[in-house]
Amino acid sequence: MTSINKKDFRTQQLTNLQAAMHTTQAEATVLTNLLFETDIWQTAQTIGTTISNPIELPTGGIIERALQDKKQVYLPKTMPHRQMAFLEYPGHNQLVKNSFGLLEPAYDETKMNQAVDLMIVPGVAFAQDSHYRVGFGGGYYDRFLANYRGHTVALVPQVMNFETANWPVEDFDIAIDYLITASN
């Protein structure tokens, strides 16, 4: 059993991510190249990802490579009731800032795809033994992943990589299919 609650763990981990920001950026090339070599990447025609913030592993190269590989890219749009709609990437200049200050596509139901082939899931911590994660605290991804049937993957820099969950795992937490680390 863990002695720290998830909220306190997340707060502590966000401080760690801030301190390791440059290291995380440096690890990005290795981790994204490992992703591009996987069968799940190569066979996927549609990719779900985010526009990363500075403390996360950068996703710009993933989006660029997906488009080069003729894959369709979908980004999350936050919706009421902590739901997400994945909308086709319209190009960086067409993104808008949401109430959290994150870039996302404008809502257009005709551009929505809730069943992409491969979902690249963000987080602040990932457990190698169970594949559980700690996200940013809104529960958006766990709600979405509860009904998602495609493959999930997370690119896990050293600062986010934990041997086991040092946080409470809850009934609604969803494990990630594949964790890619520099030691894969």
N, C-alpha and C. Protein backbone atom coordinates (compact mmCIF):
# COMPACT_ATOMS: atom_id res chain seq x y z
N MET A 1 0.85 -1.19 0.00
CA MET A 1 0.00 0.00 0.00
C MET A 1 0.89 1.25 0.00
N THR A 2 0.42 2.26 -0.66
CA THR A 2 1.20 3.49 -0.75
C THR A 2 0.84 4.43 0.39
N SER A 3 1.78 5.29 0.72
CA SER A 3 1.54 6.20 1.83
C SER A 3 1.18 7.61 1.36
N ILE A 4 1.21 7.84 0.05
CA ILE A 4 0.92 9.17 -0.48
C ILE A 4 -0.35 9.10 -1.33
N ASN A 5 -1.19 10.10 -1.22
CA ASN A 5 -2.39 10.08 -2.06
C ASN A 5 -2.03 10.56 -3.47
N LYS A 6 -2.92 10.29 -4.42
CA LYS A 6 -2.63 10.58 -5.82
C LYS A 6 -2.44 12.08 -6.07
N LYS A 7 -3.23 12.90 -5.41
CA LYS A 7 -3.12 14.36 -5.60
C LYS A 7 -1.74 14.86 -5.15
N ASP A 8 -1.29 14.42 -3.99
CA ASP A 8 0.03 14.84 -3.49
C ASP A 8 1.14 14.26 -4.36
N PHE A 9 0.98 13.01 -4.79
CA PHE A 9 1.97 12.40 -5.69
C PHE A 9 2.07 13.21 -6.97
N ARG A 10 0.91 13.58 -7.56
CA ARG A 10 0.88 14.34 -8.80
C ARG A 10 1.59 15.69 -8.62
N THR A 11 1.29 16.38 -7.53
CA THR A 11 1.93 17.68 -7.26
C THR A 11 3.44 17.53 -7.18
N GLN A 12 3.89 16.51 -6.45
CA GLN A 12 5.32 16.24 -6.33
C GLN A 12 5.93 15.89 -7.70
N GLN A 13 5.21 15.10 -8.46
CA GLN A 13 5.71 14.67 -9.77
C GLN A 13 5.76 15.83 -10.76
N LEU A 14 4.81 16.74 -10.71
CA LEU A 14 4.85 17.91 -11.59
C LEU A 14 6.09 18.76 -11.31
N THR A 15 6.47 18.87 -10.04
CA THR A 15 7.72 19.57 -9.68
C THR A 15 8.91 18.83 -10.27
N ASN A 16 8.91 17.50 -10.19
CA ASN A 16 9.99 16.69 -10.76
C ASN A 16 10.07 16.87 -12.28
N LEU A 17 8.91 16.90 -12.94
CA LEU A 17 8.87 17.07 -14.39
C LEU A 17 9.44 18.43 -14.80
N GLN A 18 9.10 19.45 -14.04
CA GLN A 18 9.62 20.78 -14.32
C GLN A 18 11.15 20.77 -14.22
N ALA A 19 11.68 20.15 -13.17
CA ALA A 19 13.13 20.11 -12.96
C ALA A 19 13.83 19.28 -14.03
N ALA A 20 13.15 18.27 -14.57
CA ALA A 20 13.76 17.38 -15.56
C ALA A 20 13.39 17.74 -17.00
N MET A 21 12.83 18.90 -17.20
CA MET A 21 12.31 19.28 -18.51
C MET A 21 13.34 19.12 -19.63
N HIS A 22 14.56 19.56 -19.41
CA HIS A 22 15.58 19.49 -20.47
C HIS A 22 15.99 18.05 -20.74
N THR A 23 16.05 17.24 -19.71
CA THR A 23 16.37 15.81 -19.88
C THR A 23 15.26 15.12 -20.66
N THR A 24 14.02 15.42 -20.34
CA THR A 24 12.88 14.84 -21.04
C THR A 24 12.93 15.20 -22.52
N GLN A 25 13.22 16.47 -22.81
CA GLN A 25 13.32 16.90 -24.21
C GLN A 25 14.43 16.12 -24.93
N ALA A 26 15.55 15.90 -24.23
CA ALA A 26 16.68 15.18 -24.82
C ALA A 26 16.33 13.72 -25.08
N GLU A 27 15.50 13.11 -24.24
CA GLU A 27 15.11 11.71 -24.40
C GLU A 27 14.08 11.51 -25.52
N ALA A 28 13.47 12.59 -25.95
CA ALA A 28 12.36 12.50 -26.90
C ALA A 28 12.74 11.79 -28.20
N THR A 29 13.88 12.09 -28.76
CA THR A 29 14.27 11.49 -30.03
C THR A 29 14.37 9.97 -29.93
N VAL A 30 15.01 9.48 -28.88
CA VAL A 30 15.14 8.03 -28.69
C VAL A 30 13.77 7.40 -28.54
N LEU A 31 12.92 7.98 -27.70
CA LEU A 31 11.60 7.40 -27.43
C LEU A 31 10.70 7.42 -28.67
N THR A 32 10.71 8.53 -29.39
CA THR A 32 9.85 8.59 -30.58
C THR A 32 10.37 7.65 -31.66
N ASN A 33 11.69 7.52 -31.81
CA ASN A 33 12.22 6.57 -32.79
C ASN A 33 11.84 5.14 -32.43
N LEU A 34 11.84 4.81 -31.13
CA LEU A 34 11.40 3.48 -30.70
C LEU A 34 9.92 3.27 -31.06
N LEU A 35 9.11 4.30 -30.88
CA LEU A 35 7.69 4.22 -31.26
C LEU A 35 7.56 3.94 -32.75
N PHE A 36 8.31 4.68 -33.57
CA PHE A 36 8.18 4.54 -35.03
C PHE A 36 8.58 3.15 -35.52
N GLU A 37 9.38 2.44 -34.74
CA GLU A 37 9.82 1.09 -35.12
C GLU A 37 8.81 0.01 -34.75
N THR A 38 7.81 0.33 -33.94
CA THR A 38 6.86 -0.69 -33.48
C THR A 38 5.87 -1.07 -34.58
N ASP A 39 5.39 -2.29 -34.50
CA ASP A 39 4.36 -2.75 -35.43
C ASP A 39 3.07 -1.95 -35.26
N ILE A 40 2.75 -1.58 -34.00
CA ILE A 40 1.50 -0.84 -33.80
C ILE A 40 1.54 0.52 -34.48
N TRP A 41 2.70 1.17 -34.50
CA TRP A 41 2.83 2.44 -35.23
C TRP A 41 2.72 2.18 -36.73
N GLN A 42 3.47 1.21 -37.21
CA GLN A 42 3.56 0.98 -38.65
C GLN A 42 2.23 0.55 -39.26
N THR A 43 1.42 -0.17 -38.50
CA THR A 43 0.13 -0.62 -39.05
C THR A 43 -1.01 0.37 -38.81
N ALA A 44 -0.84 1.29 -37.89
CA ALA A 44 -1.90 2.26 -37.60
C ALA A 44 -2.08 3.24 -38.75
N GLN A 45 -3.32 3.49 -39.09
CA GLN A 45 -3.64 4.50 -40.10
C GLN A 45 -4.09 5.81 -39.45
N THR A 46 -4.57 5.71 -38.22
CA THR A 46 -5.05 6.89 -37.49
C THR A 46 -4.37 6.91 -36.12
N ILE A 47 -3.90 8.09 -35.73
CA ILE A 47 -3.15 8.28 -34.50
C ILE A 47 -3.84 9.35 -33.66
N GLY A 48 -4.01 9.08 -32.37
CA GLY A 48 -4.49 10.09 -31.42
C GLY A 48 -3.32 10.53 -30.55
N THR A 49 -3.13 11.82 -30.43
CA THR A 49 -2.07 12.35 -29.57
C THR A 49 -2.50 13.73 -29.07
N THR A 50 -1.60 14.40 -28.38
CA THR A 50 -1.90 15.74 -27.86
C THR A 50 -0.88 16.73 -28.41
N ILE A 51 -1.13 17.99 -28.18
CA ILE A 51 -0.11 19.02 -28.34
C ILE A 51 0.52 19.15 -26.96
N SER A 52 1.77 18.77 -26.85
CA SER A 52 2.43 18.70 -25.54
C SER A 52 2.70 20.09 -24.96
N ASN A 53 2.81 20.12 -23.63
CA ASN A 53 3.26 21.34 -22.97
C ASN A 53 4.75 21.16 -22.67
N PRO A 54 5.47 22.19 -22.25
CA PRO A 54 6.92 22.11 -22.12
C PRO A 54 7.47 21.05 -21.16
N ILE A 55 6.69 20.62 -20.17
CA ILE A 55 7.23 19.61 -19.24
C ILE A 55 6.99 18.18 -19.73
N GLU A 56 6.24 18.03 -20.80
CA GLU A 56 5.94 16.71 -21.35
C GLU A 56 6.92 16.35 -22.46
N LEU A 57 6.92 15.08 -22.83
CA LEU A 57 7.66 14.66 -23.99
C LEU A 57 7.05 15.36 -25.21
N PRO A 58 7.85 16.02 -26.03
CA PRO A 58 7.28 16.79 -27.14
C PRO A 58 6.60 15.89 -28.18
N THR A 59 5.44 16.30 -28.63
CA THR A 59 4.67 15.51 -29.60
C THR A 59 4.74 16.07 -31.02
N GLY A 60 5.38 17.21 -31.19
CA GLY A 60 5.47 17.80 -32.53
C GLY A 60 6.09 16.86 -33.55
N GLY A 61 7.15 16.17 -33.17
CA GLY A 61 7.81 15.23 -34.07
C GLY A 61 6.94 14.02 -34.39
N ILE A 62 6.12 13.62 -33.44
CA ILE A 62 5.21 12.49 -33.67
C ILE A 62 4.15 12.89 -34.70
N ILE A 63 3.60 14.08 -34.53
CA ILE A 63 2.59 14.57 -35.47
C ILE A 63 3.19 14.71 -36.86
N GLU A 64 4.38 15.30 -36.93
CA GLU A 64 5.05 15.49 -38.21
C GLU A 64 5.31 14.15 -38.91
N ARG A 65 5.83 13.19 -38.16
CA ARG A 65 6.13 11.87 -38.74
C ARG A 65 4.85 11.16 -39.18
N ALA A 66 3.80 11.25 -38.38
CA ALA A 66 2.53 10.62 -38.75
C ALA A 66 2.03 11.19 -40.08
N LEU A 67 2.10 12.49 -40.23
CA LEU A 67 1.65 13.10 -41.48
C LEU A 67 2.54 12.68 -42.65
N GLN A 68 3.85 12.61 -42.42
CA GLN A 68 4.78 12.13 -43.47
C GLN A 68 4.44 10.70 -43.87
N ASP A 69 4.06 9.88 -42.88
CA ASP A 69 3.73 8.48 -43.13
C ASP A 69 2.29 8.32 -43.65
N LYS A 70 1.64 9.42 -43.98
CA LYS A 70 0.27 9.42 -44.53
C LYS A 70 -0.75 8.87 -43.55
N LYS A 71 -0.52 9.10 -42.26
CA LYS A 71 -1.48 8.72 -41.23
C LYS A 71 -2.35 9.94 -40.91
N GLN A 72 -3.56 9.70 -40.48
CA GLN A 72 -4.41 10.80 -40.02
C GLN A 72 -4.14 11.01 -38.53
N VAL A 73 -4.02 12.27 -38.13
CA VAL A 73 -3.73 12.62 -36.74
C VAL A 73 -4.97 13.26 -36.14
N TYR A 74 -5.30 12.82 -34.91
CA TYR A 74 -6.45 13.35 -34.18
C TYR A 74 -5.98 13.85 -32.82
N LEU A 75 -6.50 15.01 -32.44
CA LEU A 75 -6.16 15.64 -31.17
C LEU A 75 -7.40 15.75 -30.30
N PRO A 76 -7.22 15.71 -28.97
CA PRO A 76 -8.39 15.81 -28.09
C PRO A 76 -8.91 17.23 -27.97
N LYS A 77 -10.21 17.32 -27.92
CA LYS A 77 -10.91 18.57 -27.60
C LYS A 77 -11.67 18.29 -26.32
N THR A 78 -11.42 19.09 -25.29
CA THR A 78 -12.14 18.88 -24.03
C THR A 78 -13.60 19.30 -24.22
N MET A 79 -14.47 18.47 -23.66
CA MET A 79 -15.91 18.67 -23.79
C MET A 79 -16.51 18.74 -22.39
N PRO A 80 -17.79 19.13 -22.29
CA PRO A 80 -18.45 19.13 -20.98
C PRO A 80 -18.42 17.75 -20.32
N HIS A 81 -18.56 17.72 -19.01
CA HIS A 81 -18.62 16.50 -18.22
C HIS A 81 -17.33 15.68 -18.30
N ARG A 82 -16.20 16.40 -18.45
CA ARG A 82 -14.87 15.77 -18.49
C ARG A 82 -14.77 14.69 -19.56
N GLN A 83 -15.37 14.97 -20.70
CA GLN A 83 -15.30 14.09 -21.86
C GLN A 83 -14.32 14.69 -22.88
N MET A 84 -13.89 13.86 -23.83
CA MET A 84 -13.02 14.33 -24.91
C MET A 84 -13.58 13.87 -26.25
N ALA A 85 -13.41 14.73 -27.25
CA ALA A 85 -13.70 14.37 -28.63
C ALA A 85 -12.38 14.46 -29.38
N PHE A 86 -12.02 13.42 -30.12
CA PHE A 86 -10.80 13.46 -30.91
C PHE A 86 -11.14 13.96 -32.30
N LEU A 87 -10.51 15.08 -32.66
CA LEU A 87 -10.80 15.77 -33.92
C LEU A 87 -9.56 15.79 -34.79
N GLU A 88 -9.78 15.71 -36.09
CA GLU A 88 -8.67 15.71 -37.04
C GLU A 88 -7.79 16.94 -36.86
N TYR A 89 -6.49 16.72 -36.88
CA TYR A 89 -5.50 17.81 -36.74
C TYR A 89 -5.65 18.76 -37.92
N PRO A 90 -5.97 20.03 -37.65
CA PRO A 90 -6.22 20.97 -38.74
C PRO A 90 -4.98 21.73 -39.20
N GLY A 91 -3.85 21.48 -38.59
CA GLY A 91 -2.64 22.28 -38.82
C GLY A 91 -2.44 23.17 -37.60
N HIS A 92 -1.19 23.43 -37.26
CA HIS A 92 -0.88 24.15 -36.02
C HIS A 92 -1.53 25.53 -35.95
N ASN A 93 -1.60 26.22 -37.08
CA ASN A 93 -2.16 27.58 -37.09
C ASN A 93 -3.66 27.62 -36.86
N GLN A 94 -4.31 26.47 -36.98
CA GLN A 94 -5.77 26.41 -36.80
C GLN A 94 -6.18 25.98 -35.40
N LEU A 95 -5.22 25.70 -34.52
CA LEU A 95 -5.54 25.28 -33.17
C LEU A 95 -5.96 26.48 -32.32
N VAL A 96 -6.79 26.22 -31.32
CA VAL A 96 -7.25 27.28 -30.42
C VAL A 96 -6.92 26.89 -28.98
N LYS A 97 -6.74 27.89 -28.12
CA LYS A 97 -6.46 27.61 -26.70
C LYS A 97 -7.77 27.35 -25.97
N ASN A 98 -7.77 26.28 -25.16
CA ASN A 98 -8.94 25.99 -24.36
C ASN A 98 -8.83 26.67 -23.00
N SER A 99 -9.78 26.40 -22.12
CA SER A 99 -9.81 27.08 -20.81
C SER A 99 -8.64 26.67 -19.91
N PHE A 100 -7.95 25.55 -20.26
CA PHE A 100 -6.78 25.12 -19.50
C PHE A 100 -5.49 25.71 -20.08
N GLY A 101 -5.62 26.48 -21.17
CA GLY A 101 -4.45 27.06 -21.83
C GLY A 101 -3.78 26.10 -22.80
N LEU A 102 -4.44 24.98 -23.11
CA LEU A 102 -3.88 23.98 -24.02
C LEU A 102 -4.41 24.18 -25.43
N LEU A 103 -3.58 23.88 -26.42
CA LEU A 103 -4.01 24.00 -27.81
C LEU A 103 -4.80 22.76 -28.22
N GLU A 104 -5.91 23.01 -28.92
CA GLU A 104 -6.76 21.93 -29.40
C GLU A 104 -7.50 22.39 -30.65
N PRO A 105 -8.04 21.45 -31.41
CA PRO A 105 -8.83 21.84 -32.58
C PRO A 105 -10.18 22.42 -32.17
N ALA A 106 -10.73 23.26 -33.02
CA ALA A 106 -12.10 23.75 -32.80
C ALA A 106 -13.06 22.59 -33.05
N TYR A 107 -14.16 22.58 -32.34
CA TYR A 107 -15.11 21.46 -32.47
C TYR A 107 -15.78 21.47 -33.83
N ASP A 108 -15.74 20.32 -34.48
CA ASP A 108 -16.44 20.10 -35.74
C ASP A 108 -16.78 18.61 -35.77
N GLU A 109 -18.04 18.29 -35.56
CA GLU A 109 -18.46 16.90 -35.44
C GLU A 109 -18.07 16.06 -36.66
N THR A 110 -18.00 16.68 -37.83
CA THR A 110 -17.65 15.94 -39.05
C THR A 110 -16.18 15.52 -39.08
N LYS A 111 -15.37 16.09 -38.20
CA LYS A 111 -13.93 15.78 -38.14
C LYS A 111 -13.58 14.88 -36.95
N MET A 112 -14.58 14.30 -36.31
CA MET A 112 -14.37 13.53 -35.08
C MET A 112 -14.11 12.05 -35.40
N ASN A 113 -13.21 11.45 -34.60
CA ASN A 113 -12.94 10.01 -34.69
C ASN A 113 -12.61 9.52 -33.28
N GLN A 114 -13.52 8.81 -32.66
CA GLN A 114 -13.32 8.29 -31.30
C GLN A 114 -12.71 6.89 -31.32
N ALA A 115 -12.38 6.38 -32.49
CA ALA A 115 -11.86 5.02 -32.60
C ALA A 115 -10.57 4.97 -33.42
N VAL A 116 -9.64 5.85 -33.11
CA VAL A 116 -8.36 5.83 -33.82
C VAL A 116 -7.66 4.49 -33.56
N ASP A 117 -6.74 4.14 -34.45
CA ASP A 117 -6.02 2.86 -34.34
C ASP A 117 -5.06 2.85 -33.16
N LEU A 118 -4.39 3.97 -32.92
CA LEU A 118 -3.35 4.04 -31.89
C LEU A 118 -3.48 5.34 -31.12
N MET A 119 -3.63 5.21 -29.80
CA MET A 119 -3.74 6.38 -28.93
C MET A 119 -2.44 6.52 -28.13
N ILE A 120 -1.78 7.66 -28.28
CA ILE A 120 -0.58 7.97 -27.51
C ILE A 120 -1.06 8.74 -26.28
N VAL A 121 -0.94 8.10 -25.12
CA VAL A 121 -1.56 8.61 -23.90
C VAL A 121 -0.55 9.39 -23.07
N PRO A 122 -0.90 10.62 -22.70
CA PRO A 122 0.00 11.41 -21.85
C PRO A 122 -0.16 11.04 -20.38
N GLY A 123 0.74 11.52 -19.57
CA GLY A 123 0.66 11.32 -18.13
C GLY A 123 1.85 11.95 -17.45
N VAL A 124 1.89 11.83 -16.14
CA VAL A 124 3.02 12.36 -15.37
C VAL A 124 3.84 11.24 -14.74
N ALA A 125 3.27 10.01 -14.69
CA ALA A 125 3.98 8.86 -14.12
C ALA A 125 3.37 7.58 -14.67
N PHE A 126 4.23 6.56 -14.88
CA PHE A 126 3.81 5.28 -15.41
C PHE A 126 4.50 4.17 -14.64
N ALA A 127 3.75 3.12 -14.30
CA ALA A 127 4.29 1.97 -13.55
C ALA A 127 4.61 0.84 -14.53
N GLN A 128 5.86 0.40 -14.53
CA GLN A 128 6.29 -0.66 -15.45
C GLN A 128 5.58 -1.99 -15.19
N ASP A 129 5.34 -2.33 -13.94
CA ASP A 129 4.78 -3.65 -13.64
C ASP A 129 3.29 -3.77 -13.98
N SER A 130 2.54 -2.71 -13.82
CA SER A 130 1.09 -2.78 -14.02
C SER A 130 0.59 -1.98 -15.22
N HIS A 131 1.43 -1.07 -15.72
CA HIS A 131 1.10 -0.17 -16.84
C HIS A 131 0.04 0.87 -16.47
N TYR A 132 -0.17 1.07 -15.16
CA TYR A 132 -1.06 2.15 -14.72
C TYR A 132 -0.31 3.47 -14.78
N ARG A 133 -1.08 4.55 -14.88
CA ARG A 133 -0.51 5.88 -15.02
C ARG A 133 -1.17 6.85 -14.06
N VAL A 134 -0.49 7.95 -13.87
CA VAL A 134 -1.09 9.12 -13.22
C VAL A 134 -1.14 10.19 -14.30
N GLY A 135 -2.32 10.74 -14.51
CA GLY A 135 -2.48 11.81 -15.49
C GLY A 135 -2.40 13.16 -14.81
N PHE A 136 -2.96 14.15 -15.47
CA PHE A 136 -2.89 15.51 -14.98
C PHE A 136 -4.02 15.86 -14.02
N GLY A 137 -4.92 14.91 -13.75
CA GLY A 137 -5.88 15.11 -12.68
C GLY A 137 -7.31 15.36 -13.07
N GLY A 138 -7.61 15.47 -14.35
CA GLY A 138 -9.00 15.73 -14.74
C GLY A 138 -9.82 14.48 -14.97
N GLY A 139 -9.16 13.34 -15.16
CA GLY A 139 -9.87 12.10 -15.43
C GLY A 139 -10.35 11.95 -16.86
N TYR A 140 -9.95 12.87 -17.74
CA TYR A 140 -10.41 12.85 -19.13
C TYR A 140 -10.01 11.55 -19.84
N TYR A 141 -8.72 11.19 -19.72
CA TYR A 141 -8.25 10.00 -20.44
C TYR A 141 -8.85 8.72 -19.88
N ASP A 142 -8.95 8.58 -18.56
CA ASP A 142 -9.54 7.36 -18.01
C ASP A 142 -10.99 7.21 -18.47
N ARG A 143 -11.73 8.30 -18.52
CA ARG A 143 -13.11 8.24 -19.01
C ARG A 143 -13.14 7.81 -20.48
N PHE A 144 -12.26 8.42 -21.28
CA PHE A 144 -12.22 8.09 -22.71
C PHE A 144 -11.79 6.64 -22.92
N LEU A 145 -10.71 6.23 -22.23
CA LEU A 145 -10.14 4.90 -22.45
C LEU A 145 -11.05 3.77 -21.96
N ALA A 146 -11.98 4.08 -21.08
CA ALA A 146 -12.91 3.05 -20.58
C ALA A 146 -13.70 2.41 -21.72
N ASN A 147 -13.93 3.15 -22.81
CA ASN A 147 -14.69 2.63 -23.95
C ASN A 147 -13.87 2.52 -25.22
N TYR A 148 -12.59 2.81 -25.15
CA TYR A 148 -11.71 2.79 -26.32
C TYR A 148 -11.22 1.37 -26.58
N ARG A 149 -11.22 0.93 -27.81
CA ARG A 149 -10.84 -0.46 -28.13
C ARG A 149 -9.58 -0.57 -28.97
N GLY A 150 -8.93 0.54 -29.31
CA GLY A 150 -7.68 0.48 -30.07
C GLY A 150 -6.49 0.24 -29.16
N HIS A 151 -5.30 0.37 -29.71
CA HIS A 151 -4.06 0.20 -28.95
C HIS A 151 -3.71 1.50 -28.22
N THR A 152 -3.17 1.36 -27.02
CA THR A 152 -2.68 2.52 -26.28
C THR A 152 -1.18 2.36 -26.03
N VAL A 153 -0.47 3.46 -26.12
CA VAL A 153 0.97 3.48 -25.88
C VAL A 153 1.32 4.77 -25.16
N ALA A 154 2.34 4.70 -24.33
CA ALA A 154 2.87 5.90 -23.69
C ALA A 154 4.38 5.90 -23.88
N LEU A 155 4.91 7.07 -24.20
CA LEU A 155 6.35 7.27 -24.28
C LEU A 155 6.79 7.78 -22.91
N VAL A 156 7.67 7.03 -22.26
CA VAL A 156 7.94 7.26 -20.84
C VAL A 156 9.40 7.67 -20.61
N PRO A 157 9.66 8.97 -20.47
CA PRO A 157 11.01 9.40 -20.12
C PRO A 157 11.36 8.96 -18.70
N GLN A 158 12.61 8.99 -18.39
CA GLN A 158 13.11 8.48 -17.11
C GLN A 158 12.37 9.07 -15.91
N VAL A 159 12.09 10.36 -15.92
CA VAL A 159 11.45 11.02 -14.77
C VAL A 159 10.02 10.52 -14.53
N MET A 160 9.39 9.96 -15.57
CA MET A 160 8.02 9.46 -15.45
C MET A 160 7.97 7.95 -15.23
N ASN A 161 9.11 7.30 -15.24
CA ASN A 161 9.20 5.84 -15.22
C ASN A 161 9.35 5.32 -13.79
N PHE A 162 8.37 4.52 -13.35
CA PHE A 162 8.39 3.94 -12.01
C PHE A 162 8.28 2.42 -12.15
N GLU A 163 9.03 1.69 -11.34
CA GLU A 163 8.97 0.23 -11.39
C GLU A 163 7.57 -0.26 -11.02
N THR A 164 7.00 0.36 -10.00
CA THR A 164 5.66 0.00 -9.56
C THR A 164 4.91 1.28 -9.20
N ALA A 165 3.61 1.20 -9.09
CA ALA A 165 2.80 2.38 -8.77
C ALA A 165 3.07 2.84 -7.34
N ASN A 166 3.70 3.98 -7.19
CA ASN A 166 3.94 4.59 -5.88
C ASN A 166 2.78 5.52 -5.51
N TRP A 167 1.64 5.22 -6.04
CA TRP A 167 0.42 6.00 -5.85
C TRP A 167 -0.75 5.03 -5.78
N PRO A 168 -1.87 5.44 -5.24
CA PRO A 168 -3.02 4.53 -5.19
C PRO A 168 -3.60 4.31 -6.60
N VAL A 169 -3.83 3.06 -6.96
CA VAL A 169 -4.50 2.73 -8.21
C VAL A 169 -5.98 2.56 -7.90
N GLU A 170 -6.82 3.25 -8.65
CA GLU A 170 -8.25 3.26 -8.38
C GLU A 170 -9.00 2.39 -9.40
N ASP A 171 -10.22 2.02 -9.08
CA ASP A 171 -11.01 1.15 -9.95
C ASP A 171 -11.19 1.72 -11.35
N PHE A 172 -11.26 3.03 -11.47
CA PHE A 172 -11.51 3.64 -12.77
C PHE A 172 -10.23 3.87 -13.58
N ASP A 173 -9.05 3.62 -12.99
CA ASP A 173 -7.79 3.79 -13.72
C ASP A 173 -7.69 2.73 -14.81
N ILE A 174 -7.20 3.13 -15.97
CA ILE A 174 -7.08 2.23 -17.12
C ILE A 174 -5.59 2.02 -17.41
N ALA A 175 -5.17 0.77 -17.49
CA ALA A 175 -3.78 0.45 -17.81
C ALA A 175 -3.51 0.73 -19.29
N ILE A 176 -2.28 1.10 -19.59
CA ILE A 176 -1.84 1.37 -20.96
C ILE A 176 -1.28 0.07 -21.54
N ASP A 177 -1.57 -0.20 -22.80
CA ASP A 177 -1.10 -1.45 -23.42
C ASP A 177 0.42 -1.55 -23.47
N TYR A 178 1.07 -0.50 -23.98
CA TYR A 178 2.52 -0.54 -24.20
C TYR A 178 3.17 0.70 -23.61
N LEU A 179 4.22 0.48 -22.84
CA LEU A 179 5.04 1.58 -22.32
C LEU A 179 6.39 1.52 -23.03
N ILE A 180 6.77 2.60 -23.67
CA ILE A 180 8.06 2.67 -24.35
C ILE A 180 9.00 3.50 -23.51
N THR A 181 10.10 2.87 -23.12
CA THR A 181 11.14 3.55 -22.34
C THR A 181 12.45 3.45 -23.10
N ALA A 182 13.43 4.21 -22.68
CA ALA A 182 14.74 4.17 -23.34
C ALA A 182 15.40 2.80 -23.17
N SER A 183 14.94 2.01 -22.20
CA SER A 183 15.52 0.69 -21.98
C SER A 183 14.78 -0.42 -22.72
N ASN A 184 13.74 -0.07 -23.53
CA ASN A 184 13.00 -1.09 -24.30
C ASN A 184 13.91 -1.75 -25.32
